[in-house]
Amino acid sequence: MSPEGQAGPYAAAILRRVAHDPREKTPAHSVQAELLRSTELDRPRALVEGDLDRARELHAEDFQLVTPSGQELSKDQYLRRVASGDLNYLAWDAGPIAVRLYTASMAAVIRYRSELEIVDNGNHVPRRPYWHTDVYEQRDGRWQVIWSHATRIT
């Protein structure tokens, strides 16, 4: 990021913090639910801004992504594409994040809608709505995403 706090050439998004989804089962005031929301908002921010050190911290070593086209990517494959510019997030605006927390196993499932704008292998994909479902586990005292699935809303 530039000294003025503006996003660099590959990071043109403003992520907004949002209220919880009223349909969720976890109480809105749950400390862990709020921490998960904050972590999930930090993850796309790191990807949009190209902060790969932060992105590596937030994605578990065994992370797997299923893209809207059905492609499966490991953590290394995914972050390598972001680092090379083959996958360039221009915007990732998240809506309300629903959290299902499973305290016995320290796992959680989150779901939310977003609007994404990307450049994928040189092809501009204009801003469109998507659903996201992500699975988090608490490892070494911090939440990390282990699975992520995005579906385009038509």
C-alpha atoms as a PDB file:
ATOM      1  CA  MET A   1       0.000   0.000   0.000  1.00  0.00           C
ATOM      2  CA  SER A   2       1.120   3.526  -0.649  1.00  0.00           C
ATOM      3  CA  PRO A   3       1.889   5.920   2.211  1.00  0.00           C
ATOM      4  CA  GLU A   4      -1.483   7.586   1.679  1.00  0.00           C
ATOM      5  CA  GLY A   5      -3.208   4.298   2.520  1.00  0.00           C
ATOM      6  CA  GLN A   6      -4.469   3.847  -1.039  1.00  0.00           C
ATOM      7  CA  ALA A   7      -4.363   0.445  -2.653  1.00  0.00           C
ATOM      8  CA  GLY A   8      -1.598  -0.217  -5.152  1.00  0.00           C
ATOM      9  CA  PRO A   9      -2.190  -0.994  -8.824  1.00  0.00           C
ATOM     10  CA  TYR A  10      -3.329  -4.555  -8.078  1.00  0.00           C
ATOM     11  CA  ALA A  11      -5.421  -3.684  -5.054  1.00  0.00           C
ATOM     12  CA  ALA A  12      -8.386  -1.476  -5.845  1.00  0.00           C
ATOM     13  CA  ALA A  13     -10.922  -2.747  -3.326  1.00  0.00           C
ATOM     14  CA  ILE A  14     -12.420  -1.330  -0.191  1.00  0.00           C
ATOM     15  CA  LEU A  15     -13.701  -4.034   2.112  1.00  0.00           C
ATOM     16  CA  ARG A  16     -16.381  -2.975   4.508  1.00  0.00           C
ATOM     17  CA  ARG A  17     -17.109  -4.451   7.913  1.00  0.00           C
ATOM     18  CA  VAL A  18     -20.676  -5.665   8.101  1.00  0.00           C
ATOM     19  CA  ALA A  19     -23.175  -6.873  10.667  1.00  0.00           C
ATOM     20  CA  HIS A  20     -23.846 -10.545  11.241  1.00  0.00           C
ATOM     21  CA  ASP A  21     -26.348 -12.498   9.157  1.00  0.00           C
ATOM     22  CA  PRO A  22     -29.638 -12.650  11.143  1.00  0.00           C
ATOM     23  CA  ARG A  23     -30.202 -16.293  10.080  1.00  0.00           C
ATOM     24  CA  GLU A  24     -27.108 -17.619  11.815  1.00  0.00           C
ATOM     25  CA  LYS A  25     -27.280 -19.827  14.896  1.00  0.00           C
ATOM     26  CA  THR A  26     -24.188 -18.517  16.691  1.00  0.00           C
ATOM     27  CA  PRO A  27     -25.006 -15.497  18.863  1.00  0.00           C
ATOM     28  CA  ALA A  28     -23.968 -12.295  17.137  1.00  0.00           C
ATOM     29  CA  HIS A  29     -21.965 -11.252  20.198  1.00  0.00           C
ATOM     30  CA  SER A  30     -19.887 -14.424  20.268  1.00  0.00           C
ATOM     31  CA  VAL A  31     -16.229 -13.476  20.584  1.00  0.00           C
ATOM     32  CA  GLN A  32     -15.184 -16.382  18.360  1.00  0.00           C
ATOM     33  CA  ALA A  33     -17.821 -15.538  15.730  1.00  0.00           C
ATOM     34  CA  GLU A  34     -16.579 -11.953  15.603  1.00  0.00           C
ATOM     35  CA  LEU A  35     -12.979 -13.139  15.379  1.00  0.00           C
ATOM     36  CA  LEU A  36     -13.928 -15.395  12.462  1.00  0.00           C
ATOM     37  CA  ARG A  37     -15.685 -12.529  10.682  1.00  0.00           C
ATOM     38  CA  SER A  38     -12.667 -10.309  11.183  1.00  0.00           C
ATOM     39  CA  THR A  39     -10.334 -13.056   9.929  1.00  0.00           C
ATOM     40  CA  GLU A  40     -12.480 -13.662   6.857  1.00  0.00           C
ATOM     41  CA  LEU A  41     -12.497  -9.938   6.046  1.00  0.00           C
ATOM     42  CA  ASP A  42      -8.724  -9.820   6.503  1.00  0.00           C
ATOM     43  CA  ARG A  43      -8.185 -12.744   4.094  1.00  0.00           C
ATOM     44  CA  PRO A  44      -9.605 -11.087   0.935  1.00  0.00           C
ATOM     45  CA  ARG A  45      -8.021  -7.795   1.970  1.00  0.00           C
ATOM     46  CA  ALA A  46      -4.609  -9.518   1.956  1.00  0.00           C
ATOM     47  CA  LEU A  47      -5.342 -11.094  -1.434  1.00  0.00           C
ATOM     48  CA  VAL A  48      -6.542  -7.829  -3.011  1.00  0.00           C
ATOM     49  CA  GLU A  49      -3.575  -5.903  -1.632  1.00  0.00           C
ATOM     50  CA  GLY A  50      -1.122  -8.629  -2.627  1.00  0.00           C
ATOM     51  CA  ASP A  51       0.010  -9.119   0.991  1.00  0.00           C
ATOM     52  CA  LEU A  52       1.145 -12.700   0.479  1.00  0.00           C
ATOM     53  CA  ASP A  53       2.830 -12.981   3.882  1.00  0.00           C
ATOM     54  CA  ARG A  54      -0.498 -12.277   5.575  1.00  0.00           C
ATOM     55  CA  ALA A  55      -2.366 -14.529   3.123  1.00  0.00           C
ATOM     56  CA  ARG A  56       0.004 -17.422   3.939  1.00  0.00           C
ATOM     57  CA  GLU A  57      -0.747 -16.993   7.658  1.00  0.00           C
ATOM     58  CA  LEU A  58      -4.521 -17.092   7.091  1.00  0.00           C
ATOM     59  CA  HIS A  59      -4.560 -20.155   4.799  1.00  0.00           C
ATOM     60  CA  ALA A  60      -3.779 -23.545   6.379  1.00  0.00           C
ATOM     61  CA  GLU A  61      -1.033 -25.651   4.795  1.00  0.00           C
ATOM     62  CA  ASP A  62      -3.681 -28.149   3.642  1.00  0.00           C
ATOM     63  CA  PHE A  63      -5.984 -25.412   2.268  1.00  0.00           C
ATOM     64  CA  GLN A  64      -8.007 -26.235  -0.826  1.00  0.00           C
ATOM     65  CA  LEU A  65     -10.014 -23.854  -2.994  1.00  0.00           C
ATOM     66  CA  VAL A  66     -12.778 -24.840  -5.390  1.00  0.00           C
ATOM     67  CA  THR A  67     -13.206 -21.966  -7.832  1.00  0.00           C
ATOM     68  CA  PRO A  68     -16.510 -20.965  -9.456  1.00  0.00           C
ATOM     69  CA  SER A  69     -15.392 -22.897 -12.569  1.00  0.00           C
ATOM     70  CA  GLY A  70     -14.823 -26.055 -10.493  1.00  0.00           C
ATOM     71  CA  GLN A  71     -11.021 -25.937 -10.497  1.00  0.00           C
ATOM     72  CA  GLU A  72      -9.307 -27.276  -7.364  1.00  0.00           C
ATOM     73  CA  LEU A  73      -6.279 -25.370  -6.107  1.00  0.00           C
ATOM     74  CA  SER A  74      -3.953 -26.099  -3.197  1.00  0.00           C
ATOM     75  CA  LYS A  75      -2.639 -23.278  -1.016  1.00  0.00           C
ATOM     76  CA  ASP A  76       0.629 -23.170  -2.973  1.00  0.00           C
ATOM     77  CA  GLN A  77      -1.113 -23.213  -6.354  1.00  0.00           C
ATOM     78  CA  TYR A  78      -3.569 -20.511  -5.305  1.00  0.00           C
ATOM     79  CA  LEU A  79      -1.072 -18.131  -3.739  1.00  0.00           C
ATOM     80  CA  ARG A  80       1.411 -18.694  -6.579  1.00  0.00           C
ATOM     81  CA  ARG A  81      -1.289 -17.554  -9.035  1.00  0.00           C
ATOM     82  CA  VAL A  82      -1.944 -14.444  -6.915  1.00  0.00           C
ATOM     83  CA  ALA A  83       1.793 -13.704  -6.587  1.00  0.00           C
ATOM     84  CA  SER A  84       2.389 -14.018 -10.336  1.00  0.00           C
ATOM     85  CA  GLY A  85      -0.576 -11.817 -11.238  1.00  0.00           C
ATOM     86  CA  ASP A  86      -2.274 -14.690 -13.092  1.00  0.00           C
ATOM     87  CA  LEU A  87      -5.087 -14.193 -10.567  1.00  0.00           C
ATOM     88  CA  ASN A  88      -5.521 -10.542  -9.676  1.00  0.00           C
ATOM     89  CA  TYR A  89      -8.316  -9.517  -7.321  1.00  0.00           C
ATOM     90  CA  LEU A  90      -9.407  -5.964  -8.155  1.00  0.00           C
ATOM     91  CA  ALA A  91     -12.341  -5.919  -5.720  1.00  0.00           C
ATOM     92  CA  TRP A  92     -13.801  -8.253  -3.098  1.00  0.00           C
ATOM     93  CA  ASP A  93     -16.699  -6.675  -1.207  1.00  0.00           C
ATOM     94  CA  ALA A  94     -18.153  -8.981   1.421  1.00  0.00           C
ATOM     95  CA  GLY A  95     -21.738  -8.903   2.660  1.00  0.00           C
ATOM     96  CA  PRO A  96     -22.986 -10.093   6.067  1.00  0.00           C
ATOM     97  CA  ILE A  97     -21.091 -13.180   7.223  1.00  0.00           C
ATOM     98  CA  ALA A  98     -23.044 -16.034   8.801  1.00  0.00           C
ATOM     99  CA  VAL A  99     -21.024 -18.168  11.228  1.00  0.00           C
ATOM    100  CA  ARG A 100     -21.695 -21.726  12.438  1.00  0.00           C
ATOM    101  CA  LEU A 101     -19.242 -22.432  15.226  1.00  0.00           C
ATOM    102  CA  TYR A 102     -18.504 -25.985  16.379  1.00  0.00           C
ATOM    103  CA  THR A 103     -16.755 -25.382  19.683  1.00  0.00           C
ATOM    104  CA  ALA A 104     -16.058 -29.021  20.560  1.00  0.00           C
ATOM    105  CA  SER A 105     -13.833 -29.386  17.508  1.00  0.00           C
ATOM    106  CA  MET A 106     -12.846 -25.704  17.231  1.00  0.00           C
ATOM    107  CA  ALA A 107     -14.104 -25.626  13.672  1.00  0.00           C
ATOM    108  CA  ALA A 108     -16.463 -23.236  11.942  1.00  0.00           C
ATOM    109  CA  VAL A 109     -18.330 -22.840   8.685  1.00  0.00           C
ATOM    110  CA  ILE A 110     -18.963 -19.386   7.326  1.00  0.00           C
ATOM    111  CA  ARG A 111     -21.124 -18.266   4.448  1.00  0.00           C
ATOM    112  CA  TYR A 112     -21.640 -14.921   2.761  1.00  0.00           C
ATOM    113  CA  ARG A 113     -22.328 -13.152  -0.506  1.00  0.00           C
ATOM    114  CA  SER A 114     -19.780 -10.907  -2.119  1.00  0.00           C
ATOM    115  CA  GLU A 115     -19.087  -8.947  -5.242  1.00  0.00           C
ATOM    116  CA  LEU A 116     -15.793  -9.798  -6.934  1.00  0.00           C
ATOM    117  CA  GLU A 117     -13.911  -8.244  -9.796  1.00  0.00           C
ATOM    118  CA  ILE A 118     -10.823 -10.078 -10.998  1.00  0.00           C
ATOM    119  CA  VAL A 119      -8.373 -10.534 -13.816  1.00  0.00           C
ATOM    120  CA  ASP A 120      -7.888 -14.267 -14.430  1.00  0.00           C
ATOM    121  CA  ASN A 121      -5.053 -15.227 -16.795  1.00  0.00           C
ATOM    122  CA  GLY A 122      -5.300 -11.825 -18.474  1.00  0.00           C
ATOM    123  CA  ASN A 123      -9.103 -11.961 -18.839  1.00  0.00           C
ATOM    124  CA  HIS A 124     -11.022  -9.235 -17.025  1.00  0.00           C
ATOM    125  CA  VAL A 125     -14.023 -10.618 -15.138  1.00  0.00           C
ATOM    126  CA  PRO A 126     -16.312  -7.678 -14.297  1.00  0.00           C
ATOM    127  CA  ARG A 127     -17.823  -7.200 -10.866  1.00  0.00           C
ATOM    128  CA  ARG A 128     -20.299 -10.022 -10.193  1.00  0.00           C
ATOM    129  CA  PRO A 129     -22.052 -11.535  -7.180  1.00  0.00           C
ATOM    130  CA  TYR A 130     -20.795 -14.791  -5.618  1.00  0.00           C
ATOM    131  CA  TRP A 131     -21.634 -17.039  -2.688  1.00  0.00           C
ATOM    132  CA  HIS A 132     -18.731 -18.137  -0.491  1.00  0.00           C
ATOM    133  CA  THR A 133     -18.658 -21.083   1.878  1.00  0.00           C
ATOM    134  CA  ASP A 134     -15.489 -21.507   3.903  1.00  0.00           C
ATOM    135  CA  VAL A 135     -14.434 -23.964   6.582  1.00  0.00           C
ATOM    136  CA  TYR A 136     -12.078 -22.770   9.308  1.00  0.00           C
ATOM    137  CA  GLU A 137     -10.191 -24.660  12.000  1.00  0.00           C
ATOM    138  CA  GLN A 138      -8.453 -23.223  15.003  1.00  0.00           C
ATOM    139  CA  ARG A 139      -4.803 -24.279  14.830  1.00  0.00           C
ATOM    140  CA  ASP A 140      -2.042 -23.151  17.157  1.00  0.00           C
ATOM    141  CA  GLY A 141      -4.449 -20.667  18.740  1.00  0.00           C
ATOM    142  CA  ARG A 142      -5.527 -18.955  15.507  1.00  0.00           C
ATOM    143  CA  TRP A 143      -8.252 -19.441  12.916  1.00  0.00           C
ATOM    144  CA  GLN A 144      -7.122 -20.645   9.486  1.00  0.00           C
ATOM    145  CA  VAL A 145      -9.231 -21.387   6.432  1.00  0.00           C
ATOM    146  CA  ILE A 146      -8.910 -25.010   5.274  1.00  0.00           C
ATOM    147  CA  TRP A 147     -11.544 -25.185   2.523  1.00  0.00           C
ATOM    148  CA  SER A 148     -13.054 -22.465   0.405  1.00  0.00           C
ATOM    149  CA  HIS A 149     -15.722 -22.708  -2.259  1.00  0.00           C
ATOM    150  CA  ALA A 150     -17.079 -19.865  -4.379  1.00  0.00           C
ATOM    151  CA  THR A 151     -20.157 -20.030  -6.597  1.00  0.00           C
ATOM    152  CA  ARG A 152     -21.145 -17.371  -9.104  1.00  0.00           C
ATOM    153  CA  ILE A 153     -24.692 -16.097  -8.687  1.00  0.00           C
ATOM    154  CA  THR A 154     -26.448 -15.856 -12.024  1.00  0.00           C
END
